[in-house]
Protein backbone atom coordinates (compact mmCIF):
# COMPACT_ATOMS: atom_id res chain seq x y z
CA UNK A 1 4.63 -32.96 -6.33
CA UNK A 2 3.09 -29.51 -6.90
CA UNK A 3 4.99 -28.01 -3.96
CA UNK A 4 8.33 -29.54 -5.02
CA UNK A 5 7.72 -28.33 -8.57
CA UNK A 6 7.33 -24.78 -7.23
CA UNK A 7 10.46 -25.17 -5.07
CA UNK A 8 12.43 -26.36 -8.13
CA UNK A 9 11.15 -23.33 -10.04
CA UNK A 10 12.26 -21.02 -7.22
CA UNK A 11 15.74 -22.62 -7.10
CA UNK A 12 15.99 -22.60 -10.92
CA UNK A 13 16.36 -26.39 -11.07
CA UNK A 14 15.70 -27.66 -14.58
CA UNK A 15 12.96 -30.22 -15.18
CA UNK A 16 13.58 -33.58 -16.78
CA UNK A 17 11.80 -34.16 -20.10
CA UNK A 18 9.80 -37.40 -20.05
CA UNK A 19 7.24 -38.95 -22.34
CA UNK A 20 3.68 -37.91 -21.68
CA UNK A 21 1.75 -40.99 -20.49
CA UNK A 22 -1.36 -39.73 -22.34
CA UNK A 23 0.57 -39.06 -25.58
CA UNK A 24 3.94 -40.89 -25.89
CA UNK A 25 4.97 -38.76 -28.86
CA UNK A 26 4.86 -35.64 -26.66
CA UNK A 27 7.43 -34.74 -23.96
CA UNK A 28 6.41 -33.09 -20.68
CA UNK A 29 8.37 -31.44 -17.87
CA UNK A 30 8.93 -33.74 -14.91
CA UNK A 31 10.12 -32.13 -11.69
CA UNK A 32 9.74 -35.19 -9.49
CA UNK A 33 13.11 -36.76 -10.34
CA UNK A 34 15.07 -33.50 -9.76
CA UNK A 35 12.93 -32.93 -6.61
CA UNK A 36 13.99 -36.28 -5.16
CA UNK A 37 17.66 -35.40 -5.80
CA UNK A 38 17.07 -32.00 -4.21
CA UNK A 39 15.44 -33.51 -1.12
CA UNK A 40 18.42 -35.88 -0.78
CA UNK A 41 20.88 -32.95 -0.93
CA UNK A 42 22.35 -32.33 2.56
CA UNK A 43 22.64 -28.61 1.80
CA UNK A 44 18.95 -28.27 0.79
CA UNK A 45 17.88 -26.50 4.01
CA UNK A 46 20.82 -24.08 3.87
CA UNK A 47 19.95 -23.31 0.23
CA UNK A 48 16.46 -22.32 1.35
CA UNK A 49 17.74 -20.31 4.32
CA UNK A 50 20.41 -18.48 2.28
CA UNK A 51 18.16 -17.88 -0.72
CA UNK A 52 18.77 -14.40 -2.20
CA UNK A 53 15.27 -13.10 -1.68
CA UNK A 54 16.26 -9.51 -2.56
CA UNK A 55 17.23 -10.44 -6.11
CA UNK A 56 14.60 -12.89 -7.31
CA UNK A 57 14.52 -12.86 -11.11
CA UNK A 58 11.24 -11.55 -12.57
CA UNK A 59 11.08 -14.70 -14.74
CA UNK A 60 11.00 -16.89 -11.59
CA UNK A 61 8.19 -14.78 -10.09
CA UNK A 62 6.26 -15.11 -13.38
CA UNK A 63 6.62 -18.91 -13.29
CA UNK A 64 5.64 -19.06 -9.59
CA UNK A 65 2.49 -16.96 -9.90
CA UNK A 66 0.33 -19.83 -11.27
CA UNK A 67 1.38 -22.03 -8.36
CA UNK A 68 0.55 -19.36 -5.77
CA UNK A 69 -2.82 -18.74 -7.43
CA UNK A 70 -3.58 -22.48 -7.66
CA UNK A 71 -6.25 -23.42 -5.05
CA UNK A 72 -4.47 -26.76 -4.48
CA UNK A 73 -1.36 -24.80 -3.39
CA UNK A 74 -3.03 -23.48 -0.24
CA UNK A 75 -0.89 -24.24 2.84
CA UNK A 76 -3.82 -25.76 4.78
CA UNK A 77 -4.59 -28.18 1.97
CA UNK A 78 -0.92 -29.10 1.57
CA UNK A 79 -0.56 -29.61 5.34
CA UNK A 80 -3.08 -32.48 5.13
CA UNK A 81 -0.77 -34.29 2.74
CA UNK A 82 2.59 -33.56 4.40
CA UNK A 83 3.97 -31.25 7.10
CA UNK A 84 7.27 -30.94 5.23
CA UNK A 85 5.43 -29.99 2.06
CA UNK A 86 3.45 -27.48 4.12
CA UNK A 87 6.68 -25.78 5.22
CA UNK A 88 7.98 -25.67 1.63
CA UNK A 89 4.63 -24.34 0.39
CA UNK A 90 4.77 -21.57 2.98
CA UNK A 91 8.39 -20.80 1.96
CA UNK A 92 7.43 -20.44 -1.74
CA UNK A 93 4.47 -18.24 -0.85
CA UNK A 94 6.62 -16.14 1.53
CA UNK A 95 9.29 -15.60 -1.17
CA UNK A 96 6.63 -14.49 -3.66
CA UNK A 97 5.01 -12.18 -1.10
CA UNK A 98 8.40 -10.76 -0.08
CA UNK A 99 9.24 -9.99 -3.72
CA UNK A 100 5.85 -8.33 -4.23
CA UNK A 101 6.30 -6.16 -1.13
CA UNK A 102 9.96 -5.43 -1.92
CA UNK A 103 8.95 -3.98 -5.28
CA UNK A 104 6.63 -1.55 -3.48
CA UNK A 105 9.11 -0.76 -0.73
CA UNK A 106 12.27 -0.44 -2.92
CA UNK A 107 11.31 2.94 -4.49
CA UNK A 108 10.31 4.20 -1.06
CA UNK A 109 13.68 3.10 0.36
CA UNK A 110 15.45 4.88 -2.50
CA UNK A 111 13.45 8.05 -1.80
CA UNK A 112 14.22 7.73 1.90
CA UNK A 113 17.95 7.37 1.20
CA UNK A 114 17.78 10.38 -1.12
CA UNK A 115 15.93 12.44 1.50
CA UNK A 116 18.41 11.39 4.19
CA UNK A 117 21.32 12.39 1.97
CA UNK A 118 19.66 15.77 1.29
CA UNK A 119 19.00 16.17 5.03
CA UNK A 120 22.63 15.39 5.87
CA UNK A 121 23.79 17.92 3.25
CA UNK A 122 21.43 20.57 4.69
CA UNK A 123 22.60 19.79 8.21
CA UNK A 124 26.23 20.35 7.16
CA UNK A 125 25.20 23.73 5.75
CA UNK A 126 23.18 24.51 8.88
CA UNK A 127 26.06 23.59 11.18
CA UNK A 128 28.44 25.77 9.11
CA UNK A 129 25.99 28.72 9.47
CA UNK A 130 25.63 28.03 13.19
CA UNK A 131 29.43 28.13 13.53
CA UNK A 132 29.54 31.44 11.63
CA UNK A 133 26.78 32.82 13.85
CA UNK A 134 28.64 31.72 16.98
CA UNK A 135 31.80 33.41 15.71
CA UNK A 136 29.88 36.66 15.03
CA UNK A 137 28.17 36.46 18.46
CA UNK A 138 31.54 35.93 20.14
CA UNK A 139 33.00 38.94 18.32
CA UNK A 140 29.91 41.01 19.24
CA UNK A 141 30.27 39.98 22.89
CA UNK A 142 33.98 40.90 22.82
CA UNK A 143 33.14 44.29 21.28
CA UNK A 144 30.37 44.89 23.86
CA UNK A 145 32.80 44.07 26.65
CA UNK A 146 35.40 46.42 25.19
CA UNK A 147 32.71 49.11 24.77
CA UNK A 148 31.70 48.74 28.44
CA UNK A 149 35.35 48.98 29.48
CA UNK A 150 35.88 52.08 27.34
CA UNK A 151 32.69 53.72 28.66
CA UNK A 152 33.83 53.03 32.22
CA UNK A 153 37.27 54.48 31.42
CA UNK A 154 35.65 57.53 29.75
CA UNK A 155 33.49 58.07 32.85
CA UNK A 156 36.55 57.73 35.09
CA UNK A 157 38.48 60.18 32.91
CA UNK A 158 35.55 62.63 32.96
CA UNK A 159 35.51 62.36 36.77
CA UNK A 160 39.31 62.88 36.82
CA UNK A 161 38.98 65.92 34.47
CA UNK A 162 36.21 67.38 36.67
CA UNK A 163 38.25 66.79 39.81
CA UNK A 164 41.34 68.37 38.18
CA UNK A 165 39.27 71.40 37.04
CA UNK A 166 37.96 71.85 40.60
CA UNK A 167 41.48 71.53 42.05
CA UNK A 168 42.81 73.94 39.43
CA UNK A 169 40.01 76.40 40.21
CA UNK A 170 40.73 76.17 43.97
CA UNK A 171 44.43 76.46 43.34
CA UNK A 172 43.82 79.56 41.20
CA UNK A 173 41.64 81.10 43.95
CA UNK A 174 44.21 80.18 46.56
CA UNK A 175 47.05 81.67 44.55
CA UNK A 176 44.94 84.74 43.85
CA UNK A 177 44.14 85.05 47.55
CA UNK A 178 47.72 84.51 48.53
CA UNK A 179 49.04 86.88 45.83
CA UNK A 180 48.72 89.89 48.17
CA UNK A 181 50.47 87.98 50.93
CA UNK A 182 53.63 87.74 48.83
CA UNK A 183 54.25 91.46 49.01
CA UNK A 184 53.54 91.56 52.71
CA UNK A 185 55.94 88.71 53.36
CA UNK A 186 58.69 90.29 51.35
CA UNK A 187 58.50 93.55 53.36
């Protein structure tokens, strides 16, 4: 009964008000009748499997806490009474533990997502700067290549100028040497 009461609380199933056997004037919550209907429901297992454990209402967790803290709600004690109740007891405890851990992990997940977004943004900036650097390096390489070509051309032109000066000097000496021959040949 205790386990099914906790399951009803988790699934937000309302209790049935019945007269208190000790005090007929007073009404008490009875979860056994709704529990029997729940156990007879063919979709009961799928309800447990598809339970939205990420969005458990804080009110449900508050109502479940006394059950989880109850020494009679220990899985090993419940297992002695019923294996099915043992499974449901473990499910209730697992949902409560999951919610407790999720509350610790959720802010960390949010910070992680924020850090990943910042990282992605920084990587975009870094990749843009790398592209700019590559462009500048390519231009520098092109200019260095052009400089090497121009220096080679300058050296070739200097060699050509030197060669032309030597030829011109020889030609001048030759013409000077042959200048006297002109008069001799004309006689």
